[in-house]
Amino acid sequence: MVIVQTSDIGGDFRFQMSVTISDSDAVSIAERKGMLLDIARRLASELQTIVVTDDVGVNPAFDDDFLMVAPDGATEVVQADLDAMEQNSIVLMTESRSRYEAMESAIHPVAANR
């Protein structure tokens, strides 16, 4: 069983989704991480938006690393501003923002005026 709860926060990603997987001794930590990545990919696809997570795909030693997941399932590691995180917001650093904007434009291309 999977439970998804949402809350409104500030920053580049306005909605926080808390995903809880039912506790089972039969599921290993590695399997849970795989399930969380699958859930992030499914949410990104169903919502047609970019999802970021710090639960899978990043080095846990770095507090500012997040895994960005596109609706097509593509992933990329991005960094957030630690000061903004202290205010409970996720604001991407400049280089990561460029990667986010490129991913976003692939999802929602802007029609060129002729």
N, C-alpha and C. Protein backbone atom coordinates (compact mmCIF):
# COMPACT_ATOMS: atom_id res chain seq x y z
N MET A 1 0.84 -1.17 0.00
CA MET A 1 0.00 0.00 0.00
C MET A 1 0.89 1.24 0.00
N VAL A 2 0.49 2.24 -0.77
CA VAL A 2 1.22 3.50 -0.86
C VAL A 2 0.27 4.63 -0.49
N ILE A 3 0.74 5.53 0.37
CA ILE A 3 -0.04 6.71 0.76
C ILE A 3 0.74 7.94 0.30
N VAL A 4 0.05 8.85 -0.41
CA VAL A 4 0.66 10.10 -0.86
C VAL A 4 -0.11 11.25 -0.21
N GLN A 5 0.61 12.07 0.56
CA GLN A 5 0.02 13.25 1.19
C GLN A 5 0.67 14.48 0.58
N THR A 6 -0.10 15.54 0.41
CA THR A 6 0.46 16.77 -0.16
C THR A 6 0.35 17.92 0.82
N SER A 7 1.26 18.86 0.68
CA SER A 7 1.21 20.11 1.44
C SER A 7 1.81 21.20 0.56
N ASP A 8 1.43 22.45 0.83
CA ASP A 8 1.89 23.59 0.04
C ASP A 8 3.11 24.20 0.72
N ILE A 9 4.20 24.36 -0.06
CA ILE A 9 5.42 24.98 0.47
C ILE A 9 5.88 26.03 -0.53
N GLY A 10 6.83 26.83 -0.18
CA GLY A 10 7.37 27.85 -1.08
C GLY A 10 8.49 27.30 -1.92
N GLY A 11 9.03 28.14 -2.77
CA GLY A 11 10.20 27.77 -3.57
C GLY A 11 9.82 27.36 -4.97
N ASP A 12 10.75 26.68 -5.64
CA ASP A 12 10.56 26.27 -7.03
C ASP A 12 9.54 25.13 -7.17
N PHE A 13 9.36 24.36 -6.14
CA PHE A 13 8.45 23.23 -6.15
C PHE A 13 7.40 23.48 -5.07
N ARG A 14 6.28 24.02 -5.47
CA ARG A 14 5.26 24.54 -4.54
C ARG A 14 4.56 23.47 -3.72
N PHE A 15 4.49 22.26 -4.23
CA PHE A 15 3.77 21.22 -3.51
C PHE A 15 4.72 20.12 -3.09
N GLN A 16 4.62 19.78 -1.83
CA GLN A 16 5.42 18.70 -1.28
C GLN A 16 4.52 17.48 -1.21
N MET A 17 5.03 16.35 -1.71
CA MET A 17 4.30 15.09 -1.61
C MET A 17 5.09 14.17 -0.69
N SER A 18 4.44 13.73 0.36
CA SER A 18 5.06 12.75 1.26
C SER A 18 4.53 11.38 0.87
N VAL A 19 5.44 10.49 0.51
CA VAL A 19 5.06 9.15 0.06
C VAL A 19 5.44 8.16 1.15
N THR A 20 4.47 7.36 1.56
CA THR A 20 4.69 6.35 2.58
C THR A 20 4.35 4.98 1.99
N ILE A 21 5.28 4.06 2.12
CA ILE A 21 5.05 2.68 1.68
C ILE A 21 4.78 1.85 2.92
N SER A 22 3.76 1.01 2.85
CA SER A 22 3.41 0.21 4.03
C SER A 22 4.63 -0.58 4.50
N ASP A 23 4.75 -0.67 5.81
CA ASP A 23 5.89 -1.33 6.43
C ASP A 23 5.77 -2.84 6.28
N SER A 24 6.78 -3.44 5.75
CA SER A 24 6.79 -4.89 5.58
C SER A 24 8.21 -5.40 5.75
N ASP A 25 8.35 -6.41 6.57
CA ASP A 25 9.67 -7.00 6.78
C ASP A 25 10.14 -7.74 5.53
N ALA A 26 9.19 -8.08 4.63
CA ALA A 26 9.54 -8.83 3.43
C ALA A 26 10.20 -7.96 2.37
N VAL A 27 10.13 -6.64 2.53
CA VAL A 27 10.70 -5.73 1.53
C VAL A 27 12.00 -5.14 2.07
N SER A 28 13.08 -5.33 1.31
CA SER A 28 14.39 -4.82 1.74
C SER A 28 14.46 -3.32 1.50
N ILE A 29 15.47 -2.68 2.09
CA ILE A 29 15.68 -1.25 1.89
C ILE A 29 15.92 -0.95 0.41
N ALA A 30 16.71 -1.79 -0.26
CA ALA A 30 16.98 -1.59 -1.69
C ALA A 30 15.68 -1.68 -2.50
N GLU A 31 14.81 -2.62 -2.15
CA GLU A 31 13.53 -2.75 -2.85
C GLU A 31 12.64 -1.54 -2.60
N ARG A 32 12.67 -1.01 -1.37
CA ARG A 32 11.89 0.19 -1.05
C ARG A 32 12.36 1.38 -1.88
N LYS A 33 13.67 1.53 -2.00
CA LYS A 33 14.21 2.64 -2.80
C LYS A 33 13.79 2.49 -4.26
N GLY A 34 13.80 1.29 -4.77
CA GLY A 34 13.33 1.05 -6.13
C GLY A 34 11.86 1.37 -6.27
N MET A 35 11.07 1.02 -5.26
CA MET A 35 9.64 1.32 -5.27
C MET A 35 9.42 2.83 -5.24
N LEU A 36 10.21 3.55 -4.43
CA LEU A 36 10.06 5.00 -4.35
C LEU A 36 10.40 5.67 -5.67
N LEU A 37 11.43 5.18 -6.34
CA LEU A 37 11.78 5.74 -7.65
C LEU A 37 10.66 5.46 -8.65
N ASP A 38 10.11 4.26 -8.63
CA ASP A 38 8.99 3.94 -9.51
C ASP A 38 7.79 4.85 -9.22
N ILE A 39 7.53 5.11 -7.95
CA ILE A 39 6.41 5.98 -7.55
C ILE A 39 6.68 7.41 -8.04
N ALA A 40 7.91 7.91 -7.88
CA ALA A 40 8.25 9.26 -8.35
C ALA A 40 8.06 9.35 -9.85
N ARG A 41 8.48 8.32 -10.58
CA ARG A 41 8.30 8.32 -12.04
C ARG A 41 6.82 8.28 -12.41
N ARG A 42 6.06 7.50 -11.68
CA ARG A 42 4.61 7.40 -11.97
C ARG A 42 3.92 8.74 -11.69
N LEU A 43 4.25 9.36 -10.55
CA LEU A 43 3.66 10.66 -10.22
C LEU A 43 4.02 11.71 -11.27
N ALA A 44 5.29 11.75 -11.67
CA ALA A 44 5.72 12.71 -12.69
C ALA A 44 4.97 12.49 -14.00
N SER A 45 4.79 11.23 -14.38
CA SER A 45 4.09 10.90 -15.62
C SER A 45 2.61 11.25 -15.52
N GLU A 46 1.96 10.83 -14.46
CA GLU A 46 0.53 11.08 -14.31
C GLU A 46 0.21 12.57 -14.19
N LEU A 47 1.07 13.31 -13.50
CA LEU A 47 0.83 14.74 -13.29
C LEU A 47 1.43 15.60 -14.40
N GLN A 48 2.23 14.97 -15.28
CA GLN A 48 2.93 15.69 -16.35
C GLN A 48 3.70 16.88 -15.80
N THR A 49 4.49 16.59 -14.78
CA THR A 49 5.31 17.62 -14.15
C THR A 49 6.61 17.00 -13.68
N ILE A 50 7.55 17.83 -13.32
CA ILE A 50 8.83 17.38 -12.78
C ILE A 50 8.69 17.17 -11.28
N VAL A 51 9.20 16.06 -10.81
CA VAL A 51 9.18 15.72 -9.39
C VAL A 51 10.62 15.68 -8.90
N VAL A 52 10.87 16.19 -7.70
CA VAL A 52 12.20 16.04 -7.10
C VAL A 52 12.07 15.25 -5.81
N THR A 53 13.09 14.44 -5.54
CA THR A 53 13.10 13.63 -4.32
C THR A 53 14.52 13.56 -3.78
N ASP A 54 14.62 13.48 -2.47
CA ASP A 54 15.93 13.26 -1.87
C ASP A 54 16.00 11.88 -1.23
N ASP A 55 15.00 11.04 -1.51
CA ASP A 55 14.96 9.70 -0.93
C ASP A 55 15.68 8.65 -1.76
N VAL A 56 15.84 8.89 -3.04
CA VAL A 56 16.51 7.91 -3.91
C VAL A 56 17.40 8.62 -4.92
N GLY A 57 18.44 7.93 -5.35
CA GLY A 57 19.26 8.41 -6.45
C GLY A 57 20.28 9.47 -6.12
N VAL A 58 20.43 9.81 -4.84
CA VAL A 58 21.41 10.83 -4.45
C VAL A 58 22.27 10.32 -3.32
N ASN A 59 23.43 10.94 -3.16
CA ASN A 59 24.33 10.60 -2.07
C ASN A 59 23.76 11.17 -0.77
N PRO A 60 23.43 10.32 0.20
CA PRO A 60 22.82 10.82 1.43
C PRO A 60 23.73 11.74 2.26
N ALA A 61 25.00 11.79 1.91
CA ALA A 61 25.92 12.66 2.66
C ALA A 61 25.73 14.13 2.31
N PHE A 62 25.08 14.41 1.18
CA PHE A 62 24.88 15.79 0.75
C PHE A 62 23.42 16.18 0.92
N ASP A 63 23.15 17.11 1.84
CA ASP A 63 21.79 17.53 2.15
C ASP A 63 21.14 18.29 1.01
N ASP A 64 21.93 18.86 0.10
CA ASP A 64 21.36 19.71 -0.94
C ASP A 64 21.13 18.99 -2.27
N ASP A 65 21.40 17.70 -2.32
CA ASP A 65 21.20 16.92 -3.55
C ASP A 65 19.77 16.38 -3.63
N PHE A 66 19.18 16.52 -4.81
CA PHE A 66 17.87 15.97 -5.09
C PHE A 66 17.91 15.25 -6.42
N LEU A 67 17.07 14.25 -6.58
CA LEU A 67 16.92 13.59 -7.86
C LEU A 67 15.70 14.20 -8.55
N MET A 68 15.92 14.76 -9.73
CA MET A 68 14.84 15.36 -10.51
C MET A 68 14.34 14.29 -11.49
N VAL A 69 13.02 14.08 -11.50
CA VAL A 69 12.41 13.05 -12.34
C VAL A 69 11.44 13.70 -13.31
N ALA A 70 11.63 13.47 -14.60
CA ALA A 70 10.77 14.02 -15.65
C ALA A 70 9.61 13.07 -15.92
N PRO A 71 8.55 13.57 -16.54
CA PRO A 71 7.41 12.71 -16.86
C PRO A 71 7.76 11.51 -17.75
N ASP A 72 8.82 11.63 -18.56
CA ASP A 72 9.22 10.51 -19.41
C ASP A 72 10.11 9.51 -18.67
N GLY A 73 10.37 9.77 -17.36
CA GLY A 73 11.17 8.87 -16.54
C GLY A 73 12.64 9.24 -16.45
N ALA A 74 13.09 10.21 -17.25
CA ALA A 74 14.49 10.64 -17.20
C ALA A 74 14.79 11.24 -15.83
N THR A 75 16.00 11.03 -15.35
CA THR A 75 16.39 11.54 -14.04
C THR A 75 17.70 12.31 -14.15
N GLU A 76 17.87 13.22 -13.21
CA GLU A 76 19.11 14.00 -13.13
C GLU A 76 19.26 14.49 -11.69
N VAL A 77 20.48 14.52 -11.19
CA VAL A 77 20.74 15.03 -9.84
C VAL A 77 20.90 16.55 -9.93
N VAL A 78 20.21 17.25 -9.03
CA VAL A 78 20.28 18.72 -8.96
C VAL A 78 20.56 19.13 -7.52
N GLN A 79 21.03 20.38 -7.37
CA GLN A 79 21.34 20.89 -6.03
C GLN A 79 20.41 22.06 -5.70
N ALA A 80 20.03 22.10 -4.42
CA ALA A 80 19.16 23.17 -3.92
C ALA A 80 19.95 24.08 -2.99
N ASP A 81 19.45 25.28 -2.82
CA ASP A 81 20.05 26.28 -1.93
C ASP A 81 19.78 25.88 -0.48
N LEU A 82 20.85 25.68 0.30
CA LEU A 82 20.69 25.25 1.70
C LEU A 82 19.97 26.29 2.55
N ASP A 83 20.20 27.58 2.29
CA ASP A 83 19.52 28.63 3.06
C ASP A 83 18.01 28.57 2.85
N ALA A 84 17.58 28.36 1.62
CA ALA A 84 16.15 28.24 1.34
C ALA A 84 15.57 27.01 2.01
N MET A 85 16.35 25.93 2.05
CA MET A 85 15.87 24.71 2.68
C MET A 85 15.62 24.91 4.17
N GLU A 86 16.39 25.80 4.80
CA GLU A 86 16.15 26.10 6.21
C GLU A 86 14.79 26.77 6.40
N GLN A 87 14.27 27.40 5.34
CA GLN A 87 12.95 28.03 5.37
C GLN A 87 11.88 27.07 4.84
N ASN A 88 12.23 25.80 4.73
CA ASN A 88 11.31 24.76 4.26
C ASN A 88 10.90 24.95 2.80
N SER A 89 11.81 25.48 1.98
CA SER A 89 11.57 25.67 0.54
C SER A 89 12.68 24.99 -0.25
N ILE A 90 12.35 24.58 -1.46
CA ILE A 90 13.35 24.03 -2.36
C ILE A 90 13.56 25.04 -3.48
N VAL A 91 14.73 25.66 -3.52
CA VAL A 91 15.10 26.62 -4.55
C VAL A 91 16.38 26.09 -5.19
N LEU A 92 16.33 25.84 -6.48
CA LEU A 92 17.48 25.26 -7.17
C LEU A 92 18.61 26.27 -7.35
N MET A 93 19.83 25.76 -7.28
CA MET A 93 21.01 26.56 -7.57
C MET A 93 21.04 26.87 -9.07
N THR A 94 21.83 27.86 -9.49
CA THR A 94 21.82 28.36 -10.86
C THR A 94 22.03 27.26 -11.91
N GLU A 95 23.05 26.44 -11.75
CA GLU A 95 23.32 25.38 -12.73
C GLU A 95 22.18 24.37 -12.77
N SER A 96 21.64 24.03 -11.60
CA SER A 96 20.53 23.09 -11.54
C SER A 96 19.27 23.69 -12.14
N ARG A 97 19.09 24.99 -11.93
CA ARG A 97 17.92 25.67 -12.51
C ARG A 97 17.95 25.57 -14.02
N SER A 98 19.13 25.70 -14.62
CA SER A 98 19.26 25.58 -16.08
C SER A 98 18.83 24.19 -16.55
N ARG A 99 19.24 23.16 -15.81
CA ARG A 99 18.86 21.79 -16.17
C ARG A 99 17.36 21.58 -16.00
N TYR A 100 16.79 22.17 -14.93
CA TYR A 100 15.35 22.10 -14.69
C TYR A 100 14.59 22.78 -15.84
N GLU A 101 15.03 23.98 -16.22
CA GLU A 101 14.34 24.72 -17.29
C GLU A 101 14.42 23.98 -18.62
N ALA A 102 15.54 23.32 -18.90
CA ALA A 102 15.66 22.53 -20.13
C ALA A 102 14.70 21.35 -20.10
N MET A 103 14.60 20.69 -18.95
CA MET A 103 13.68 19.57 -18.81
C MET A 103 12.23 20.06 -18.92
N GLU A 104 11.94 21.19 -18.32
CA GLU A 104 10.60 21.77 -18.35
C GLU A 104 10.21 22.16 -19.78
N SER A 105 11.14 22.74 -20.54
CA SER A 105 10.82 23.13 -21.91
C SER A 105 10.60 21.92 -22.81
N ALA A 106 11.20 20.80 -22.48
CA ALA A 106 10.97 19.58 -23.24
C ALA A 106 9.55 19.06 -22.99
N ILE A 107 9.02 19.31 -21.79
CA ILE A 107 7.68 18.87 -21.44
C ILE A 107 6.64 19.80 -22.06
N HIS A 108 6.89 21.10 -21.93
CA HIS A 108 5.97 22.13 -22.38
C HIS A 108 6.69 23.08 -23.33
N PRO A 109 6.92 22.66 -24.58
CA PRO A 109 7.65 23.52 -25.52
C PRO A 109 6.86 24.81 -25.79
N VAL A 110 7.59 25.88 -25.94
CA VAL A 110 7.00 27.19 -26.23
C VAL A 110 6.96 27.35 -27.75
N ALA A 111 5.79 27.68 -28.28
CA ALA A 111 5.66 27.87 -29.72
C ALA A 111 6.34 29.19 -30.11
N ALA A 112 7.14 29.13 -31.15
CA ALA A 112 7.85 30.32 -31.63
C ALA A 112 6.91 31.18 -32.45
N ASN A 113 6.97 32.48 -32.24
CA ASN A 113 6.18 33.42 -33.04
C ASN A 113 6.86 33.65 -34.38
N ARG A 114 6.09 33.65 -35.44
CA ARG A 114 6.66 33.88 -36.76
C ARG A 114 6.07 35.11 -37.35
